[in-house]
Amino acid sequence: MTPKHKQAVKIFERDNFTCQYCGAMFSEEQPPLHVHHRVFTSQGGGNEPENKVSCCGFCHFNHGNLKNKRLFNEKDNSTINKLIKRYA
């Protein structure tokens, strides 16, 4: 298992094998999940786990329409949320 794969599994476990956009749940045995950057690296987002979430293939494909609104927390003053607010 590569380090990138190990990080993905940790993110899936953290998110309880659930798409963080639509709420669809998947099994640990065969998760058809993707790791999605909340803030794209091209927009200043990093590769740290707090900037990554689990999402299903459909939501990942349609990420441009999601605008990250479900993941934005108005009270969280972190760099990630500042970037989400800027680009939402």
C-alpha atoms as a PDB file:
ATOM      1  CA  MET A   1       0.000   0.000   0.000  1.00  0.00           C
ATOM      2  CA  THR A   2       1.468   3.350  -1.028  1.00  0.00           C
ATOM      3  CA  PRO A   3       1.602   6.331   1.365  1.00  0.00           C
ATOM      4  CA  LYS A   4      -0.968   8.124  -0.814  1.00  0.00           C
ATOM      5  CA  HIS A   5      -3.321   5.129  -0.536  1.00  0.00           C
ATOM      6  CA  LYS A   6      -2.800   4.942   3.235  1.00  0.00           C
ATOM      7  CA  GLN A   7      -3.757   8.611   3.573  1.00  0.00           C
ATOM      8  CA  ALA A   8      -6.872   8.050   1.451  1.00  0.00           C
ATOM      9  CA  VAL A   9      -7.967   5.150   3.670  1.00  0.00           C
ATOM     10  CA  LYS A  10      -7.489   7.327   6.772  1.00  0.00           C
ATOM     11  CA  ILE A  11      -9.655  10.040   5.220  1.00  0.00           C
ATOM     12  CA  PHE A  12     -12.364   7.504   4.312  1.00  0.00           C
ATOM     13  CA  GLU A  13     -12.287   6.135   7.867  1.00  0.00           C
ATOM     14  CA  ARG A  14     -12.421   9.651   9.356  1.00  0.00           C
ATOM     15  CA  ASP A  15     -15.464  10.418   7.189  1.00  0.00           C
ATOM     16  CA  ASN A  16     -17.066   7.054   8.047  1.00  0.00           C
ATOM     17  CA  PHE A  17     -17.005   5.926   4.383  1.00  0.00           C
ATOM     18  CA  THR A  18     -19.615   8.585   3.611  1.00  0.00           C
ATOM     19  CA  CYS A  19     -19.692  11.129   0.795  1.00  0.00           C
ATOM     20  CA  GLN A  20     -19.364  14.492   2.508  1.00  0.00           C
ATOM     21  CA  TYR A  21     -21.483  16.188  -0.165  1.00  0.00           C
ATOM     22  CA  CYS A  22     -24.524  13.972  -0.722  1.00  0.00           C
ATOM     23  CA  GLY A  23     -24.299  11.763   2.384  1.00  0.00           C
ATOM     24  CA  ALA A  24     -24.205   8.435   0.493  1.00  0.00           C
ATOM     25  CA  MET A  25     -22.638   5.664   2.585  1.00  0.00           C
ATOM     26  CA  PHE A  26     -20.318   2.977   1.268  1.00  0.00           C
ATOM     27  CA  SER A  27     -18.746  -0.156   2.684  1.00  0.00           C
ATOM     28  CA  GLU A  28     -15.172  -0.476   3.864  1.00  0.00           C
ATOM     29  CA  GLU A  29     -14.650  -3.534   1.642  1.00  0.00           C
ATOM     30  CA  GLN A  30     -15.136  -1.682  -1.634  1.00  0.00           C
ATOM     31  CA  PRO A  31     -15.506   2.045  -1.171  1.00  0.00           C
ATOM     32  CA  PRO A  32     -16.226   3.727  -4.526  1.00  0.00           C
ATOM     33  CA  LEU A  33     -15.057   6.937  -2.932  1.00  0.00           C
ATOM     34  CA  HIS A  34     -12.639   9.589  -4.090  1.00  0.00           C
ATOM     35  CA  VAL A  35     -10.505  11.951  -2.057  1.00  0.00           C
ATOM     36  CA  HIS A  36     -11.496  15.506  -2.937  1.00  0.00           C
ATOM     37  CA  HIS A  37      -9.635  18.729  -2.113  1.00  0.00           C
ATOM     38  CA  ARG A  38     -11.989  21.191  -0.414  1.00  0.00           C
ATOM     39  CA  VAL A  39      -9.866  24.036  -1.752  1.00  0.00           C
ATOM     40  CA  PHE A  40      -8.030  23.221  -4.968  1.00  0.00           C
ATOM     41  CA  THR A  41      -4.244  23.354  -4.788  1.00  0.00           C
ATOM     42  CA  SER A  42      -4.372  25.876  -7.646  1.00  0.00           C
ATOM     43  CA  GLN A  43      -6.388  28.165  -5.357  1.00  0.00           C
ATOM     44  CA  GLY A  44      -4.029  27.883  -2.393  1.00  0.00           C
ATOM     45  CA  GLY A  45      -5.291  24.677  -0.800  1.00  0.00           C
ATOM     46  CA  GLY A  46      -2.757  22.178   0.469  1.00  0.00           C
ATOM     47  CA  ASN A  47      -2.492  18.424   0.702  1.00  0.00           C
ATOM     48  CA  GLU A  48      -3.083  18.244   4.447  1.00  0.00           C
ATOM     49  CA  PRO A  49      -5.913  15.950   5.604  1.00  0.00           C
ATOM     50  CA  GLU A  50      -8.080  18.876   6.786  1.00  0.00           C
ATOM     51  CA  ASN A  51      -8.301  20.023   3.144  1.00  0.00           C
ATOM     52  CA  LYS A  52      -9.415  16.604   1.899  1.00  0.00           C
ATOM     53  CA  VAL A  53     -12.783  14.897   2.147  1.00  0.00           C
ATOM     54  CA  SER A  54     -14.397  11.681   0.968  1.00  0.00           C
ATOM     55  CA  CYS A  55     -16.824  12.038  -1.897  1.00  0.00           C
ATOM     56  CA  CYS A  56     -18.559   9.663  -4.263  1.00  0.00           C
ATOM     57  CA  GLY A  57     -17.685   9.560  -7.944  1.00  0.00           C
ATOM     58  CA  PHE A  58     -20.838  11.438  -8.956  1.00  0.00           C
ATOM     59  CA  CYS A  59     -20.182  14.338  -6.584  1.00  0.00           C
ATOM     60  CA  HIS A  60     -16.489  14.414  -7.492  1.00  0.00           C
ATOM     61  CA  PHE A  61     -17.406  14.608 -11.172  1.00  0.00           C
ATOM     62  CA  ASN A  62     -19.866  17.433 -10.448  1.00  0.00           C
ATOM     63  CA  HIS A  63     -17.678  19.255  -7.915  1.00  0.00           C
ATOM     64  CA  GLY A  64     -17.839  22.526  -9.858  1.00  0.00           C
ATOM     65  CA  ASN A  65     -21.544  22.829  -9.052  1.00  0.00           C
ATOM     66  CA  LEU A  66     -21.207  22.042  -5.345  1.00  0.00           C
ATOM     67  CA  LYS A  67     -19.383  25.227  -4.316  1.00  0.00           C
ATOM     68  CA  ASN A  68     -18.248  23.562  -1.047  1.00  0.00           C
ATOM     69  CA  LYS A  69     -21.198  25.148   0.792  1.00  0.00           C
ATOM     70  CA  ARG A  70     -22.055  21.997   2.750  1.00  0.00           C
ATOM     71  CA  LEU A  71     -18.511  21.852   4.169  1.00  0.00           C
ATOM     72  CA  PHE A  72     -18.149  25.549   5.009  1.00  0.00           C
ATOM     73  CA  ASN A  73     -18.358  26.401   8.702  1.00  0.00           C
ATOM     74  CA  GLU A  74     -18.997  30.123   9.302  1.00  0.00           C
ATOM     75  CA  LYS A  75     -17.504  29.974  12.827  1.00  0.00           C
ATOM     76  CA  ASP A  76     -14.311  28.196  11.751  1.00  0.00           C
ATOM     77  CA  ASN A  77     -11.598  30.775  11.097  1.00  0.00           C
ATOM     78  CA  SER A  78      -9.098  28.288   9.638  1.00  0.00           C
ATOM     79  CA  THR A  79      -7.151  28.980   6.479  1.00  0.00           C
ATOM     80  CA  ILE A  80      -9.166  26.311   4.655  1.00  0.00           C
ATOM     81  CA  ASN A  81     -12.497  27.977   5.474  1.00  0.00           C
ATOM     82  CA  LYS A  82     -11.130  31.411   4.521  1.00  0.00           C
ATOM     83  CA  LEU A  83     -10.155  30.023   1.119  1.00  0.00           C
ATOM     84  CA  ILE A  84     -13.523  28.261   0.682  1.00  0.00           C
ATOM     85  CA  LYS A  85     -15.320  31.527   1.456  1.00  0.00           C
ATOM     86  CA  ARG A  86     -13.148  33.403  -1.035  1.00  0.00           C
ATOM     87  CA  TYR A  87     -13.749  30.972  -3.891  1.00  0.00           C
ATOM     88  CA  ALA A  88     -17.339  29.918  -3.174  1.00  0.00           C
END
